[in-house]
Amino acid sequence: MANALDPAFVQLNYHSQYGVHTATIPTLQWNSVASAGNAGQFETWGASDIDAKEMVEDLIDLMEPFYPTDVEYDGFTIFTMASAVAPALPVAGGILTNVGTQAVPGFTQAVQTTIGWRTATFGLFKIVMLDSASGDDFSIIRNPSVDVSLLALHNYMIGNTHGWSGRDNARPTQFIKCTQTLNEKLRRSYRQT
């Protein structure tokens, strides 16, 4: 089903000096097997398996340059769903200690960075980062090769060594754009005028 989180998804928990945030990212099938990270394994687009914690950390490592140094990842929870309409059940999780690496982030409070890809079946896959580094530049980026960190994240996402998935259960394949804006809901909660 399009726009569904089944068969599994990861909830990433992180915080900045301004607030606590959660990101939800769909995945391929999760399997309850022994793993180095003690969180099971995900199937990958390359028809193999990957340690779940390793896959989460691989993604977050590539997201670190988009955050100022005061953003810290706290942990992750893996949920599975028997179908698109079934309840989400927590099955595994772990602690994270990753922090942002952008030392000169520009304005960050309530900044939302959204990076989007088209999937193999023409659905959407997005990564949304809150309280992210703006670099004081809110221009739309349509070519990932203009930024080293964005290109590294793009190359990882279109690869087949992970199990991240669009909500249409398809692999991200084509970069659409990277945008930055002020998230109005966050601005209100932070009492910005």
N, C-alpha and C. Protein backbone atom coordinates (compact mmCIF):
# COMPACT_ATOMS: atom_id res chain seq x y z
N MET A 1 0.84 -1.18 0.00
CA MET A 1 0.00 0.00 0.00
C MET A 1 0.89 1.25 0.00
N ALA A 2 0.55 2.21 -0.83
CA ALA A 2 1.30 3.46 -0.86
C ALA A 2 1.08 4.24 0.43
N ASN A 3 2.11 4.96 0.83
CA ASN A 3 2.08 5.78 2.04
C ASN A 3 1.83 4.97 3.31
N ALA A 4 2.49 3.83 3.40
CA ALA A 4 2.36 2.98 4.58
C ALA A 4 3.75 2.71 5.17
N LEU A 5 3.79 2.44 6.45
CA LEU A 5 5.06 2.19 7.13
C LEU A 5 5.41 0.71 7.23
N ASP A 6 4.52 -0.18 6.79
CA ASP A 6 4.84 -1.60 6.88
C ASP A 6 5.85 -1.98 5.81
N PRO A 7 6.66 -3.00 6.02
CA PRO A 7 6.61 -3.97 7.10
C PRO A 7 7.33 -3.53 8.39
N ALA A 8 8.17 -2.48 8.29
CA ALA A 8 8.88 -2.04 9.49
C ALA A 8 9.32 -0.59 9.32
N PHE A 9 9.66 0.04 10.43
CA PHE A 9 10.20 1.40 10.39
C PHE A 9 11.05 1.64 11.61
N VAL A 10 11.89 2.66 11.50
CA VAL A 10 12.76 3.05 12.61
C VAL A 10 12.35 4.43 13.09
N GLN A 11 12.24 4.56 14.38
CA GLN A 11 11.99 5.86 15.00
C GLN A 11 13.30 6.33 15.62
N LEU A 12 13.82 7.46 15.13
CA LEU A 12 15.06 8.03 15.65
C LEU A 12 14.71 9.14 16.63
N ASN A 13 15.29 9.10 17.80
CA ASN A 13 15.05 10.12 18.82
C ASN A 13 16.30 10.96 18.99
N TYR A 14 16.12 12.29 18.92
CA TYR A 14 17.25 13.20 19.06
C TYR A 14 16.79 14.51 19.68
N HIS A 15 17.75 15.32 20.10
CA HIS A 15 17.39 16.60 20.69
C HIS A 15 18.45 17.66 20.34
N SER A 16 17.97 18.90 20.40
CA SER A 16 18.86 20.06 20.24
C SER A 16 18.75 20.88 21.51
N GLN A 17 19.40 22.01 21.55
CA GLN A 17 19.26 22.88 22.71
C GLN A 17 17.85 23.47 22.81
N TYR A 18 17.07 23.36 21.72
CA TYR A 18 15.74 23.96 21.69
C TYR A 18 14.61 22.98 21.97
N GLY A 19 14.78 21.70 21.62
CA GLY A 19 13.67 20.77 21.79
C GLY A 19 14.06 19.33 21.51
N VAL A 20 13.09 18.44 21.75
CA VAL A 20 13.23 17.00 21.54
C VAL A 20 12.48 16.65 20.25
N HIS A 21 13.10 15.82 19.41
CA HIS A 21 12.51 15.49 18.11
C HIS A 21 12.54 13.99 17.84
N THR A 22 11.67 13.57 16.93
CA THR A 22 11.59 12.18 16.49
C THR A 22 11.50 12.15 14.97
N ALA A 23 12.22 11.26 14.36
CA ALA A 23 12.13 11.04 12.91
C ALA A 23 11.69 9.60 12.68
N THR A 24 10.77 9.41 11.75
CA THR A 24 10.28 8.08 11.41
C THR A 24 10.68 7.77 9.97
N ILE A 25 11.40 6.65 9.79
CA ILE A 25 11.88 6.29 8.45
C ILE A 25 11.51 4.82 8.16
N PRO A 26 10.77 4.58 7.07
CA PRO A 26 10.37 3.21 6.72
C PRO A 26 11.56 2.36 6.28
N THR A 27 11.41 1.05 6.46
CA THR A 27 12.47 0.10 6.10
C THR A 27 11.87 -1.13 5.43
N LEU A 28 12.76 -1.98 4.97
CA LEU A 28 12.36 -3.30 4.51
C LEU A 28 12.11 -4.18 5.73
N GLN A 29 11.92 -5.45 5.52
CA GLN A 29 11.60 -6.40 6.58
C GLN A 29 12.69 -6.46 7.65
N TRP A 30 12.28 -6.45 8.91
CA TRP A 30 13.19 -6.63 10.04
C TRP A 30 13.09 -8.07 10.49
N ASN A 31 14.21 -8.67 10.87
CA ASN A 31 14.23 -10.07 11.33
C ASN A 31 14.86 -10.16 12.71
N SER A 32 14.21 -10.92 13.56
CA SER A 32 14.68 -11.12 14.93
C SER A 32 15.72 -12.22 14.94
N VAL A 33 16.96 -11.84 14.72
CA VAL A 33 18.08 -12.78 14.73
C VAL A 33 19.21 -12.17 15.54
N ALA A 34 20.11 -13.02 15.99
CA ALA A 34 21.27 -12.52 16.74
C ALA A 34 22.07 -11.59 15.85
N SER A 35 22.52 -10.47 16.44
CA SER A 35 23.28 -9.50 15.66
C SER A 35 24.27 -8.79 16.57
N ALA A 36 25.30 -8.22 15.98
CA ALA A 36 26.34 -7.54 16.75
C ALA A 36 25.78 -6.37 17.56
N GLY A 37 24.79 -5.67 17.02
CA GLY A 37 24.21 -4.53 17.72
C GLY A 37 23.05 -4.90 18.62
N ASN A 38 22.75 -6.19 18.73
CA ASN A 38 21.67 -6.69 19.59
C ASN A 38 20.31 -6.09 19.27
N ALA A 39 20.08 -5.78 17.98
CA ALA A 39 18.79 -5.21 17.59
C ALA A 39 18.23 -5.90 16.35
N GLY A 40 18.69 -7.11 16.05
CA GLY A 40 18.20 -7.83 14.89
C GLY A 40 18.87 -7.36 13.60
N GLN A 41 18.24 -7.74 12.49
CA GLN A 41 18.78 -7.39 11.18
C GLN A 41 17.67 -6.93 10.25
N PHE A 42 18.05 -6.10 9.28
CA PHE A 42 17.13 -5.70 8.22
C PHE A 42 17.55 -6.37 6.92
N GLU A 43 16.58 -6.70 6.10
CA GLU A 43 16.87 -7.11 4.74
C GLU A 43 17.33 -5.88 3.98
N THR A 44 18.17 -6.06 2.97
CA THR A 44 18.68 -4.93 2.19
C THR A 44 18.20 -5.04 0.74
N TRP A 45 18.40 -3.98 -0.01
CA TRP A 45 18.06 -3.98 -1.42
C TRP A 45 19.01 -4.85 -2.22
N GLY A 46 20.13 -5.22 -1.63
CA GLY A 46 21.10 -6.09 -2.29
C GLY A 46 20.87 -7.56 -1.98
N ALA A 47 19.69 -7.91 -1.45
CA ALA A 47 19.29 -9.30 -1.16
C ALA A 47 20.18 -9.95 -0.10
N SER A 48 20.67 -9.15 0.83
CA SER A 48 21.43 -9.69 1.96
C SER A 48 20.82 -9.09 3.23
N ASP A 49 21.46 -9.29 4.34
CA ASP A 49 20.99 -8.73 5.60
C ASP A 49 22.07 -7.81 6.17
N ILE A 50 21.62 -6.86 7.01
CA ILE A 50 22.54 -5.94 7.67
C ILE A 50 22.12 -5.80 9.13
N ASP A 51 23.10 -5.71 9.99
CA ASP A 51 22.84 -5.48 11.40
C ASP A 51 22.01 -4.19 11.54
N ALA A 52 20.91 -4.26 12.28
CA ALA A 52 19.99 -3.12 12.37
C ALA A 52 20.66 -1.88 12.95
N LYS A 53 21.41 -2.05 14.04
CA LYS A 53 22.06 -0.89 14.64
C LYS A 53 23.11 -0.30 13.70
N GLU A 54 23.82 -1.15 13.00
CA GLU A 54 24.81 -0.68 12.03
C GLU A 54 24.15 0.15 10.93
N MET A 55 22.98 -0.31 10.45
CA MET A 55 22.28 0.43 9.40
C MET A 55 21.82 1.80 9.90
N VAL A 56 21.31 1.84 11.12
CA VAL A 56 20.89 3.11 11.71
C VAL A 56 22.09 4.04 11.85
N GLU A 57 23.17 3.54 12.39
CA GLU A 57 24.37 4.38 12.59
C GLU A 57 24.99 4.83 11.26
N ASP A 58 24.94 3.97 10.24
CA ASP A 58 25.45 4.37 8.92
C ASP A 58 24.70 5.60 8.41
N LEU A 59 23.37 5.59 8.55
CA LEU A 59 22.57 6.73 8.10
C LEU A 59 22.86 7.97 8.93
N ILE A 60 22.87 7.82 10.24
CA ILE A 60 23.08 8.98 11.11
C ILE A 60 24.47 9.57 10.91
N ASP A 61 25.47 8.72 10.67
CA ASP A 61 26.82 9.23 10.38
C ASP A 61 26.79 10.18 9.19
N LEU A 62 25.97 9.87 8.20
CA LEU A 62 25.87 10.71 7.00
C LEU A 62 25.00 11.94 7.22
N MET A 63 24.17 11.93 8.26
CA MET A 63 23.31 13.07 8.59
C MET A 63 24.01 14.06 9.53
N GLU A 64 25.04 13.64 10.22
CA GLU A 64 25.72 14.50 11.20
C GLU A 64 26.15 15.86 10.65
N PRO A 65 26.68 15.95 9.41
CA PRO A 65 27.11 17.26 8.90
C PRO A 65 25.96 18.26 8.69
N PHE A 66 24.73 17.77 8.73
CA PHE A 66 23.58 18.65 8.54
C PHE A 66 23.10 19.27 9.86
N TYR A 67 23.74 18.88 10.96
CA TYR A 67 23.34 19.35 12.28
C TYR A 67 24.47 20.13 12.96
N PRO A 68 24.09 21.13 13.79
CA PRO A 68 25.11 21.79 14.60
C PRO A 68 25.60 20.84 15.69
N THR A 69 26.67 21.21 16.33
CA THR A 69 27.30 20.33 17.33
C THR A 69 26.47 20.15 18.60
N ASP A 70 25.39 20.92 18.76
CA ASP A 70 24.56 20.74 19.96
C ASP A 70 23.39 19.78 19.73
N VAL A 71 23.28 19.19 18.55
CA VAL A 71 22.25 18.17 18.30
C VAL A 71 22.83 16.81 18.61
N GLU A 72 22.10 16.05 19.42
CA GLU A 72 22.56 14.72 19.83
C GLU A 72 21.47 13.69 19.58
N TYR A 73 21.87 12.56 19.02
CA TYR A 73 20.95 11.42 18.87
C TYR A 73 20.97 10.63 20.16
N ASP A 74 19.78 10.28 20.64
CA ASP A 74 19.66 9.60 21.93
C ASP A 74 19.42 8.11 21.79
N GLY A 75 18.65 7.71 20.79
CA GLY A 75 18.36 6.29 20.63
C GLY A 75 17.46 6.03 19.44
N PHE A 76 17.15 4.76 19.24
CA PHE A 76 16.27 4.37 18.15
C PHE A 76 15.38 3.22 18.60
N THR A 77 14.21 3.12 17.99
CA THR A 77 13.29 2.02 18.23
C THR A 77 12.84 1.49 16.89
N ILE A 78 12.84 0.17 16.74
CA ILE A 78 12.38 -0.48 15.53
C ILE A 78 10.97 -0.99 15.78
N PHE A 79 10.07 -0.70 14.85
CA PHE A 79 8.69 -1.16 14.92
C PHE A 79 8.41 -2.05 13.71
N THR A 80 7.58 -3.06 13.90
CA THR A 80 7.11 -3.87 12.77
C THR A 80 5.60 -3.77 12.68
N MET A 81 5.09 -4.02 11.49
CA MET A 81 3.64 -4.01 11.24
C MET A 81 3.32 -5.21 10.37
N ALA A 82 2.28 -5.96 10.74
CA ALA A 82 1.89 -7.15 9.97
C ALA A 82 1.25 -6.77 8.64
N SER A 83 0.66 -5.58 8.57
CA SER A 83 0.07 -5.07 7.33
C SER A 83 0.03 -3.55 7.42
N ALA A 84 -0.41 -2.92 6.36
CA ALA A 84 -0.46 -1.46 6.32
C ALA A 84 -1.42 -0.87 7.35
N VAL A 85 -2.41 -1.64 7.77
CA VAL A 85 -3.40 -1.14 8.72
C VAL A 85 -3.24 -1.76 10.11
N ALA A 86 -2.25 -2.63 10.28
CA ALA A 86 -2.02 -3.28 11.58
C ALA A 86 -1.33 -2.30 12.52
N PRO A 87 -1.46 -2.55 13.83
CA PRO A 87 -0.76 -1.68 14.78
C PRO A 87 0.76 -1.86 14.68
N ALA A 88 1.49 -0.80 14.96
CA ALA A 88 2.95 -0.85 14.98
C ALA A 88 3.40 -1.40 16.33
N LEU A 89 4.25 -2.41 16.30
CA LEU A 89 4.73 -3.05 17.52
C LEU A 89 6.23 -2.82 17.68
N PRO A 90 6.67 -2.28 18.82
CA PRO A 90 8.12 -2.11 19.04
C PRO A 90 8.77 -3.48 19.24
N VAL A 91 9.88 -3.72 18.54
CA VAL A 91 10.53 -5.03 18.61
C VAL A 91 12.00 -4.96 19.02
N ALA A 92 12.63 -3.82 18.86
CA ALA A 92 14.05 -3.70 19.21
C ALA A 92 14.41 -2.22 19.28
N GLY A 93 15.58 -1.97 19.81
CA GLY A 93 16.04 -0.60 19.90
C GLY A 93 17.45 -0.54 20.42
N GLY A 94 17.91 0.68 20.60
CA GLY A 94 19.26 0.84 21.10
C GLY A 94 19.57 2.28 21.43
N ILE A 95 20.70 2.47 22.07
CA ILE A 95 21.16 3.79 22.46
C ILE A 95 22.10 4.31 21.39
N LEU A 96 22.00 5.60 21.11
CA LEU A 96 22.88 6.26 20.15
C LEU A 96 23.64 7.38 20.85
N THR A 97 24.82 7.68 20.36
CA THR A 97 25.61 8.76 20.95
C THR A 97 26.12 9.72 19.89
N ASN A 98 25.54 9.67 18.70
CA ASN A 98 25.98 10.53 17.60
C ASN A 98 25.63 11.98 17.87
N VAL A 99 26.48 12.88 17.41
CA VAL A 99 26.22 14.32 17.54
C VAL A 99 26.48 14.99 16.19
N GLY A 100 25.86 16.16 16.01
CA GLY A 100 26.09 16.94 14.81
C GLY A 100 27.54 17.37 14.72
N THR A 101 27.99 17.63 13.49
CA THR A 101 29.40 17.98 13.29
C THR A 101 29.59 19.34 12.64
N GLN A 102 28.52 20.06 12.35
CA GLN A 102 28.64 21.35 11.67
C GLN A 102 29.03 22.43 12.68
N ALA A 103 30.31 22.82 12.67
CA ALA A 103 30.83 23.78 13.65
C ALA A 103 30.39 25.21 13.37
N VAL A 104 30.08 25.53 12.12
CA VAL A 104 29.62 26.87 11.76
C VAL A 104 28.25 26.70 11.07
N PRO A 105 27.21 26.45 11.87
CA PRO A 105 25.93 26.05 11.29
C PRO A 105 25.04 27.17 10.77
N GLY A 106 25.36 28.43 11.12
CA GLY A 106 24.42 29.50 10.79
C GLY A 106 23.21 29.39 11.70
N PHE A 107 22.09 29.93 11.25
CA PHE A 107 20.86 29.90 12.05
C PHE A 107 20.33 28.48 12.11
N THR A 108 19.91 28.02 13.30
CA THR A 108 19.44 26.64 13.45
C THR A 108 18.06 26.50 14.10
N GLN A 109 17.67 27.44 14.92
CA GLN A 109 16.43 27.30 15.69
C GLN A 109 15.22 27.21 14.76
N ALA A 110 14.52 26.08 14.83
CA ALA A 110 13.32 25.79 14.03
C ALA A 110 13.61 25.62 12.54
N VAL A 111 14.88 25.45 12.16
CA VAL A 111 15.20 25.20 10.76
C VAL A 111 14.87 23.75 10.43
N GLN A 112 14.17 23.55 9.33
CA GLN A 112 13.83 22.21 8.85
C GLN A 112 14.52 21.98 7.51
N THR A 113 15.35 20.94 7.46
CA THR A 113 15.98 20.51 6.22
C THR A 113 15.24 19.27 5.74
N THR A 114 14.76 19.29 4.51
CA THR A 114 14.06 18.15 3.92
C THR A 114 14.79 17.74 2.66
N ILE A 115 15.20 16.47 2.63
CA ILE A 115 15.87 15.92 1.45
C ILE A 115 14.96 14.85 0.88
N GLY A 116 14.64 14.99 -0.40
CA GLY A 116 13.68 14.07 -1.02
C GLY A 116 14.23 13.32 -2.21
N TRP A 117 13.78 12.07 -2.34
CA TRP A 117 14.12 11.21 -3.47
C TRP A 117 12.84 10.62 -4.04
N ARG A 118 12.86 10.31 -5.32
CA ARG A 118 11.82 9.52 -5.96
C ARG A 118 12.22 8.07 -5.78
N THR A 119 11.25 7.18 -5.54
CA THR A 119 11.55 5.76 -5.39
C THR A 119 11.44 5.06 -6.75
N ALA A 120 11.82 3.80 -6.77
CA ALA A 120 11.80 3.01 -8.00
C ALA A 120 10.39 2.88 -8.57
N THR A 121 9.36 3.01 -7.74
CA THR A 121 7.98 2.93 -8.23
C THR A 121 7.31 4.31 -8.21
N PHE A 122 8.14 5.35 -8.25
CA PHE A 122 7.71 6.74 -8.36
C PHE A 122 7.01 7.28 -7.12
N GLY A 123 7.24 6.64 -5.99
CA GLY A 123 6.78 7.18 -4.71
C GLY A 123 7.81 8.18 -4.20
N LEU A 124 7.67 8.57 -2.94
CA LEU A 124 8.58 9.53 -2.33
C LEU A 124 9.29 8.92 -1.14
N PHE A 125 10.51 9.33 -0.95
CA PHE A 125 11.28 9.01 0.25
C PHE A 125 11.86 10.32 0.73
N LYS A 126 11.65 10.64 2.02
CA LYS A 126 12.14 11.90 2.55
C LYS A 126 12.86 11.69 3.86
N ILE A 127 13.87 12.51 4.06
CA ILE A 127 14.50 12.63 5.37
C ILE A 127 14.27 14.07 5.81
N VAL A 128 13.69 14.21 7.01
CA VAL A 128 13.40 15.54 7.56
C VAL A 128 14.24 15.71 8.82
N MET A 129 15.00 16.80 8.87
CA MET A 129 15.86 17.09 10.01
C MET A 129 15.45 18.42 10.62
N LEU A 130 15.19 18.43 11.92
CA LEU A 130 14.75 19.64 12.61
C LEU A 130 15.89 20.25 13.43
N ASP A 131 15.85 21.57 13.58
CA ASP A 131 16.91 22.32 14.24
C ASP A 131 18.25 22.03 13.57
N SER A 132 18.21 21.96 12.25
CA SER A 132 19.39 21.63 11.46
C SER A 132 20.17 22.89 11.10
N ALA A 133 21.36 22.68 10.58
CA ALA A 133 22.25 23.78 10.21
C ALA A 133 21.77 24.39 8.90
N SER A 134 21.54 25.69 8.90
CA SER A 134 21.08 26.36 7.67
C SER A 134 22.23 26.91 6.86
N GLY A 135 23.36 27.18 7.50
CA GLY A 135 24.44 27.88 6.82
C GLY A 135 24.00 29.26 6.36
N ASP A 136 22.89 29.73 6.93
CA ASP A 136 22.28 31.02 6.56
C ASP A 136 21.98 31.09 5.06
N ASP A 137 21.68 29.94 4.46
CA ASP A 137 21.36 29.87 3.04
C ASP A 137 20.14 28.96 2.86
N PHE A 138 19.03 29.53 2.43
CA PHE A 138 17.79 28.78 2.29
C PHE A 138 17.49 28.48 0.82
N SER A 139 18.52 28.41 -0.02
CA SER A 139 18.34 28.11 -1.44
C SER A 139 18.00 26.63 -1.62
N ILE A 140 17.19 26.34 -2.62
CA ILE A 140 16.87 24.96 -2.97
C ILE A 140 18.06 24.34 -3.69
N ILE A 141 18.41 23.12 -3.31
CA ILE A 141 19.49 22.39 -3.98
C ILE A 141 18.85 21.29 -4.81
N ARG A 142 19.06 21.30 -6.10
CA ARG A 142 18.48 20.30 -7.00
C ARG A 142 19.51 19.30 -7.52
N ASN A 143 20.78 19.55 -7.23
CA ASN A 143 21.84 18.65 -7.67
C ASN A 143 22.69 18.30 -6.45
N PRO A 144 22.68 17.04 -6.00
CA PRO A 144 23.41 16.70 -4.77
C PRO A 144 24.91 16.89 -4.87
N SER A 145 25.45 16.95 -6.07
CA SER A 145 26.91 17.04 -6.21
C SER A 145 27.47 18.41 -5.84
N VAL A 146 26.60 19.39 -5.54
CA VAL A 146 27.10 20.71 -5.16
C VAL A 146 27.57 20.75 -3.70
N ASP A 147 27.28 19.70 -2.94
CA ASP A 147 27.67 19.64 -1.52
C ASP A 147 28.20 18.25 -1.21
N VAL A 148 29.39 18.17 -0.67
CA VAL A 148 30.05 16.88 -0.40
C VAL A 148 29.20 16.01 0.53
N SER A 149 28.66 16.59 1.60
CA SER A 149 27.87 15.82 2.56
C SER A 149 26.57 15.34 1.94
N LEU A 150 25.94 16.19 1.16
CA LEU A 150 24.69 15.81 0.49
C LEU A 150 24.94 14.71 -0.53
N LEU A 151 26.03 14.81 -1.27
CA LEU A 151 26.36 13.78 -2.25
C LEU A 151 26.63 12.44 -1.58
N ALA A 152 27.32 12.45 -0.45
CA ALA A 152 27.60 11.20 0.27
C ALA A 152 26.29 10.55 0.74
N LEU A 153 25.38 11.36 1.27
CA LEU A 153 24.08 10.84 1.71
C LEU A 153 23.30 10.31 0.52
N HIS A 154 23.30 11.06 -0.58
CA HIS A 154 22.60 10.63 -1.79
C HIS A 154 23.14 9.29 -2.31
N ASN A 155 24.45 9.17 -2.42
CA ASN A 155 25.04 7.93 -2.93
C ASN A 155 24.70 6.74 -2.05
N TYR A 156 24.67 6.96 -0.74
CA TYR A 156 24.27 5.89 0.18
C TYR A 156 22.81 5.51 -0.04
N MET A 157 21.93 6.50 -0.14
CA MET A 157 20.50 6.22 -0.25
C MET A 157 20.14 5.50 -1.54
N ILE A 158 20.81 5.79 -2.64
CA ILE A 158 20.45 5.12 -3.90
C ILE A 158 21.19 3.78 -4.04
N GLY A 159 22.03 3.45 -3.09
CA GLY A 159 22.75 2.17 -3.11
C GLY A 159 21.86 1.02 -2.66
N ASN A 160 22.43 -0.17 -2.61
CA ASN A 160 21.64 -1.35 -2.22
C ASN A 160 22.16 -2.04 -0.97
N THR A 161 22.99 -1.35 -0.19
CA THR A 161 23.58 -1.99 1.00
C THR A 161 22.78 -1.73 2.27
N HIS A 162 21.62 -1.11 2.13
CA HIS A 162 20.78 -0.78 3.29
C HIS A 162 19.35 -1.25 3.03
N GLY A 163 18.50 -1.07 4.04
CA GLY A 163 17.11 -1.45 3.90
C GLY A 163 16.15 -0.30 4.09
N TRP A 164 16.59 0.95 3.89
CA TRP A 164 15.68 2.09 3.99
C TRP A 164 14.75 2.06 2.78
N SER A 165 13.51 2.45 3.02
CA SER A 165 12.49 2.29 1.98
C SER A 165 11.54 3.47 1.95
N GLY A 166 10.98 3.73 0.79
CA GLY A 166 9.91 4.71 0.71
C GLY A 166 8.64 4.11 1.31
N ARG A 167 7.65 4.94 1.53
CA ARG A 167 6.39 4.45 2.07
C ARG A 167 5.60 3.63 1.06
N ASP A 168 6.14 3.49 -0.12
CA ASP A 168 5.56 2.60 -1.14
C ASP A 168 6.34 1.29 -1.22
N ASN A 169 7.20 1.04 -0.22
CA ASN A 169 8.04 -0.15 -0.14
C ASN A 169 8.97 -0.28 -1.34
N ALA A 170 9.48 0.83 -1.81
CA ALA A 170 10.41 0.83 -2.94
C ALA A 170 11.69 1.57 -2.55
N ARG A 171 12.76 1.26 -3.26
CA ARG A 171 14.09 1.83 -2.97
C ARG A 171 14.20 3.25 -3.50
N PRO A 172 14.77 4.16 -2.71
CA PRO A 172 15.05 5.51 -3.22
C PRO A 172 16.03 5.41 -4.39
N THR A 173 15.72 6.11 -5.49
CA THR A 173 16.57 5.98 -6.68
C THR A 173 16.96 7.31 -7.32
N GLN A 174 16.15 8.33 -7.17
CA GLN A 174 16.41 9.58 -7.90
C GLN A 174 16.27 10.78 -6.97
N PHE A 175 17.33 11.57 -6.87
CA PHE A 175 17.32 12.76 -6.03
C PHE A 175 16.32 13.78 -6.61
N ILE A 176 15.50 14.36 -5.73
CA ILE A 176 14.57 15.41 -6.15
C ILE A 176 15.12 16.76 -5.75
N LYS A 177 15.27 16.98 -4.43
CA LYS A 177 15.80 18.27 -3.98
C LYS A 177 16.06 18.24 -2.48
N CYS A 178 16.83 19.25 -2.06
CA CYS A 178 17.07 19.51 -0.65
C CYS A 178 16.61 20.93 -0.39
N THR A 179 15.70 21.08 0.58
CA THR A 179 15.18 22.41 0.91
C THR A 179 15.39 22.69 2.39
N GLN A 180 15.47 23.97 2.69
CA GLN A 180 15.53 24.41 4.08
C GLN A 180 14.51 25.52 4.27
N THR A 181 13.81 25.44 5.38
CA THR A 181 12.80 26.44 5.69
C THR A 181 12.68 26.54 7.20
N LEU A 182 11.92 27.50 7.66
CA LEU A 182 11.61 27.58 9.09
C LEU A 182 10.32 26.81 9.31
N ASN A 183 10.34 25.87 10.23
CA ASN A 183 9.17 25.08 10.56
C ASN A 183 8.27 25.92 11.46
N GLU A 184 7.10 26.28 10.96
CA GLU A 184 6.22 27.19 11.69
C GLU A 184 5.72 26.60 13.01
N LYS A 185 5.45 25.31 13.03
CA LYS A 185 5.00 24.67 14.28
C LYS A 185 6.10 24.76 15.35
N LEU A 186 7.34 24.52 14.95
CA LEU A 186 8.46 24.64 15.89
C LEU A 186 8.64 26.10 16.33
N ARG A 187 8.52 27.02 15.39
CA ARG A 187 8.68 28.44 15.75
C ARG A 187 7.68 28.84 16.84
N ARG A 188 6.43 28.38 16.69
CA ARG A 188 5.42 28.70 17.70
C ARG A 188 5.75 28.04 19.04
N SER A 189 6.20 26.78 18.98
CA SER A 189 6.51 26.09 20.25
C SER A 189 7.74 26.70 20.92
N TYR A 190 8.66 27.27 20.12
CA TYR A 190 9.83 27.94 20.68
C TYR A 190 9.55 29.39 21.03
N ARG A 191 8.34 29.85 20.77
CA ARG A 191 7.90 31.22 21.05
C ARG A 191 8.72 32.25 20.26
N GLN A 192 9.03 31.89 19.02
CA GLN A 192 9.71 32.83 18.14
C GLN A 192 8.66 33.77 17.52
N THR A 193 9.03 34.99 17.31
CA THR A 193 8.07 35.94 16.69
C THR A 193 8.37 36.10 15.22
